[in-house]
């Protein structure tokens, strides 16, 4: 049986600010304190545990979220409503655009700590 991801740690300058940035875009419940973490539960039992990190540089991670078409519309409205920069690609070559890859739509943003957050409506096709 393949393993199922249970949780991952996302390093942040301010764990609750980083977690709230995501939960506000997702219109999800407020992050919950759990030991040294600000925990964000996701569908499927996966939890993102934001952890304060005072290292000179936070190493950016990539977090991709599969959402429905209506959820994408709502998230994208929150992105544009907040005036956040967004891109159609992970390299930031296509600003203020979304992509239409894999028979769906996608958009990339950066959170306050530089983590790349991607929202897609169709999973990547891998054959």
C-alpha atoms as a PDB file:
ATOM      1  CA  UNK A   1       0.000   0.000   0.000  1.00  0.00           C
ATOM      2  CA  UNK A   2       1.398   3.438  -0.859  1.00  0.00           C
ATOM      3  CA  UNK A   3       2.032   5.794   2.025  1.00  0.00           C
ATOM      4  CA  UNK A   4      -0.332   8.690   2.643  1.00  0.00           C
ATOM      5  CA  UNK A   5       1.051  12.093   3.576  1.00  0.00           C
ATOM      6  CA  UNK A   6      -0.080  12.956   7.106  1.00  0.00           C
ATOM      7  CA  UNK A   7       1.504  16.368   7.715  1.00  0.00           C
ATOM      8  CA  UNK A   8       4.368  18.588   6.700  1.00  0.00           C
ATOM      9  CA  UNK A   9       6.092  21.520   8.366  1.00  0.00           C
ATOM     10  CA  UNK A  10       6.087  24.922   6.698  1.00  0.00           C
ATOM     11  CA  UNK A  11       8.690  27.283   8.148  1.00  0.00           C
ATOM     12  CA  UNK A  12       7.583  30.854   8.633  1.00  0.00           C
ATOM     13  CA  UNK A  13       8.654  34.144  10.219  1.00  0.00           C
ATOM     14  CA  UNK A  14       5.282  34.228  12.010  1.00  0.00           C
ATOM     15  CA  UNK A  15       3.507  30.866  12.067  1.00  0.00           C
ATOM     16  CA  UNK A  16       0.017  32.284  12.568  1.00  0.00           C
ATOM     17  CA  UNK A  17       0.452  34.999   9.931  1.00  0.00           C
ATOM     18  CA  UNK A  18       1.646  32.430   7.393  1.00  0.00           C
ATOM     19  CA  UNK A  19      -1.130  29.989   8.241  1.00  0.00           C
ATOM     20  CA  UNK A  20      -3.798  32.713   8.176  1.00  0.00           C
ATOM     21  CA  UNK A  21      -2.618  33.906   4.764  1.00  0.00           C
ATOM     22  CA  UNK A  22      -3.482  30.471   3.394  1.00  0.00           C
ATOM     23  CA  UNK A  23      -6.690  29.899   5.366  1.00  0.00           C
ATOM     24  CA  UNK A  24      -8.037  33.296   4.320  1.00  0.00           C
ATOM     25  CA  UNK A  25      -7.475  32.475   0.645  1.00  0.00           C
ATOM     26  CA  UNK A  26      -9.090  29.066   1.089  1.00  0.00           C
ATOM     27  CA  UNK A  27     -11.893  30.487   3.258  1.00  0.00           C
ATOM     28  CA  UNK A  28     -10.944  27.788   5.750  1.00  0.00           C
ATOM     29  CA  UNK A  29     -11.218  27.803   9.556  1.00  0.00           C
ATOM     30  CA  UNK A  30      -8.720  29.711  11.667  1.00  0.00           C
ATOM     31  CA  UNK A  31      -5.416  27.834  12.218  1.00  0.00           C
ATOM     32  CA  UNK A  32      -5.253  25.971  15.515  1.00  0.00           C
ATOM     33  CA  UNK A  33      -2.311  26.040  17.919  1.00  0.00           C
ATOM     34  CA  UNK A  34      -0.694  22.628  18.310  1.00  0.00           C
ATOM     35  CA  UNK A  35       2.508  22.671  20.353  1.00  0.00           C
ATOM     36  CA  UNK A  36       4.930  25.004  18.528  1.00  0.00           C
ATOM     37  CA  UNK A  37       2.782  24.938  15.357  1.00  0.00           C
ATOM     38  CA  UNK A  38      -0.131  26.766  13.776  1.00  0.00           C
ATOM     39  CA  UNK A  39      -1.950  23.829  12.186  1.00  0.00           C
ATOM     40  CA  UNK A  40      -4.044  23.994   9.052  1.00  0.00           C
ATOM     41  CA  UNK A  41      -6.052  20.820   8.450  1.00  0.00           C
ATOM     42  CA  UNK A  42      -6.774  20.001   4.820  1.00  0.00           C
ATOM     43  CA  UNK A  43      -9.067  17.546   3.097  1.00  0.00           C
ATOM     44  CA  UNK A  44      -7.849  13.965   3.192  1.00  0.00           C
ATOM     45  CA  UNK A  45      -6.407  14.231   6.681  1.00  0.00           C
ATOM     46  CA  UNK A  46      -3.250  16.144   5.713  1.00  0.00           C
ATOM     47  CA  UNK A  47      -2.151  18.944   8.031  1.00  0.00           C
ATOM     48  CA  UNK A  48       0.176  21.835   7.255  1.00  0.00           C
ATOM     49  CA  UNK A  49       2.015  22.729  10.453  1.00  0.00           C
ATOM     50  CA  UNK A  50       3.456  26.235  10.295  1.00  0.00           C
ATOM     51  CA  UNK A  51       6.511  26.685  12.525  1.00  0.00           C
ATOM     52  CA  UNK A  52       8.300  29.890  13.513  1.00  0.00           C
ATOM     53  CA  UNK A  53      11.822  30.014  12.105  1.00  0.00           C
ATOM     54  CA  UNK A  54      14.358  32.749  12.844  1.00  0.00           C
ATOM     55  CA  UNK A  55      16.976  31.493  10.377  1.00  0.00           C
ATOM     56  CA  UNK A  56      18.529  34.238   8.217  1.00  0.00           C
ATOM     57  CA  UNK A  57      16.663  32.873   5.203  1.00  0.00           C
ATOM     58  CA  UNK A  58      13.529  30.739   4.905  1.00  0.00           C
ATOM     59  CA  UNK A  59      13.947  28.139   2.180  1.00  0.00           C
ATOM     60  CA  UNK A  60      10.875  28.477  -0.054  1.00  0.00           C
ATOM     61  CA  UNK A  61       8.655  25.470  -0.583  1.00  0.00           C
ATOM     62  CA  UNK A  62       6.054  24.764  -3.235  1.00  0.00           C
ATOM     63  CA  UNK A  63       2.549  23.890  -2.076  1.00  0.00           C
ATOM     64  CA  UNK A  64      -0.044  22.925  -4.709  1.00  0.00           C
ATOM     65  CA  UNK A  65      -3.752  22.703  -3.913  1.00  0.00           C
ATOM     66  CA  UNK A  66      -6.298  20.915  -6.076  1.00  0.00           C
ATOM     67  CA  UNK A  67      -9.587  22.832  -5.889  1.00  0.00           C
ATOM     68  CA  UNK A  68     -12.910  22.700  -7.706  1.00  0.00           C
ATOM     69  CA  UNK A  69     -13.779  25.189 -10.452  1.00  0.00           C
ATOM     70  CA  UNK A  70     -16.093  27.191  -8.127  1.00  0.00           C
ATOM     71  CA  UNK A  71     -13.433  27.174  -5.383  1.00  0.00           C
ATOM     72  CA  UNK A  72     -10.845  28.414  -7.897  1.00  0.00           C
ATOM     73  CA  UNK A  73     -13.151  31.314  -8.828  1.00  0.00           C
ATOM     74  CA  UNK A  74     -13.561  32.238  -5.148  1.00  0.00           C
ATOM     75  CA  UNK A  75      -9.834  31.953  -4.384  1.00  0.00           C
ATOM     76  CA  UNK A  76      -8.893  33.926  -7.475  1.00  0.00           C
ATOM     77  CA  UNK A  77     -11.386  36.651  -6.484  1.00  0.00           C
ATOM     78  CA  UNK A  78      -9.686  36.842  -3.068  1.00  0.00           C
ATOM     79  CA  UNK A  79      -6.249  37.057  -4.705  1.00  0.00           C
ATOM     80  CA  UNK A  80      -7.269  39.883  -7.033  1.00  0.00           C
ATOM     81  CA  UNK A  81      -9.398  41.556  -4.353  1.00  0.00           C
ATOM     82  CA  UNK A  82      -6.351  41.782  -2.100  1.00  0.00           C
ATOM     83  CA  UNK A  83      -4.198  43.066  -4.954  1.00  0.00           C
ATOM     84  CA  UNK A  84      -1.774  40.136  -4.604  1.00  0.00           C
ATOM     85  CA  UNK A  85       0.698  39.510  -7.412  1.00  0.00           C
ATOM     86  CA  UNK A  86       0.004  36.275  -9.291  1.00  0.00           C
ATOM     87  CA  UNK A  87       1.437  34.352 -12.202  1.00  0.00           C
ATOM     88  CA  UNK A  88       0.439  31.650 -14.675  1.00  0.00           C
ATOM     89  CA  UNK A  89       3.761  29.854 -14.193  1.00  0.00           C
ATOM     90  CA  UNK A  90       6.150  28.909 -11.386  1.00  0.00           C
ATOM     91  CA  UNK A  91       8.975  31.025 -12.830  1.00  0.00           C
ATOM     92  CA  UNK A  92       6.962  34.264 -12.716  1.00  0.00           C
ATOM     93  CA  UNK A  93       7.355  34.875 -16.450  1.00  0.00           C
ATOM     94  CA  UNK A  94       3.607  35.399 -16.968  1.00  0.00           C
ATOM     95  CA  UNK A  95       2.387  37.976 -14.435  1.00  0.00           C
ATOM     96  CA  UNK A  96      -1.309  38.761 -13.961  1.00  0.00           C
ATOM     97  CA  UNK A  97      -2.346  35.654 -15.882  1.00  0.00           C
ATOM     98  CA  UNK A  98      -3.695  32.225 -15.058  1.00  0.00           C
ATOM     99  CA  UNK A  99      -2.878  29.056 -16.989  1.00  0.00           C
ATOM    100  CA  UNK A 100      -5.169  26.545 -18.658  1.00  0.00           C
ATOM    101  CA  UNK A 101      -2.999  23.468 -18.410  1.00  0.00           C
ATOM    102  CA  UNK A 102      -4.198  19.864 -18.158  1.00  0.00           C
ATOM    103  CA  UNK A 103      -7.793  20.739 -19.053  1.00  0.00           C
ATOM    104  CA  UNK A 104      -8.094  23.021 -16.046  1.00  0.00           C
ATOM    105  CA  UNK A 105      -6.940  26.342 -14.646  1.00  0.00           C
ATOM    106  CA  UNK A 106      -4.025  27.249 -12.425  1.00  0.00           C
ATOM    107  CA  UNK A 107      -2.444  30.210 -10.696  1.00  0.00           C
ATOM    108  CA  UNK A 108       0.694  30.791  -8.604  1.00  0.00           C
ATOM    109  CA  UNK A 109       1.153  33.255  -5.751  1.00  0.00           C
ATOM    110  CA  UNK A 110       3.773  33.745  -3.054  1.00  0.00           C
ATOM    111  CA  UNK A 111       2.966  33.859   0.621  1.00  0.00           C
ATOM    112  CA  UNK A 112       4.643  36.397   2.951  1.00  0.00           C
ATOM    113  CA  UNK A 113       7.592  34.010   3.515  1.00  0.00           C
ATOM    114  CA  UNK A 114       8.208  33.409  -0.205  1.00  0.00           C
ATOM    115  CA  UNK A 115       6.582  29.982  -0.392  1.00  0.00           C
ATOM    116  CA  UNK A 116       5.073  29.325  -3.821  1.00  0.00           C
ATOM    117  CA  UNK A 117       1.402  28.461  -3.546  1.00  0.00           C
ATOM    118  CA  UNK A 118      -0.335  26.987  -6.564  1.00  0.00           C
ATOM    119  CA  UNK A 119      -4.071  26.476  -7.011  1.00  0.00           C
ATOM    120  CA  UNK A 120      -5.140  24.093  -9.800  1.00  0.00           C
ATOM    121  CA  UNK A 121      -8.511  22.756 -10.910  1.00  0.00           C
ATOM    122  CA  UNK A 122      -7.227  19.613 -12.588  1.00  0.00           C
ATOM    123  CA  UNK A 123      -4.408  17.410 -11.445  1.00  0.00           C
ATOM    124  CA  UNK A 124      -1.393  17.055 -13.709  1.00  0.00           C
ATOM    125  CA  UNK A 125      -1.631  14.210 -16.141  1.00  0.00           C
ATOM    126  CA  UNK A 126       1.179  11.749 -15.552  1.00  0.00           C
ATOM    127  CA  UNK A 127       1.492   8.729 -17.804  1.00  0.00           C
END
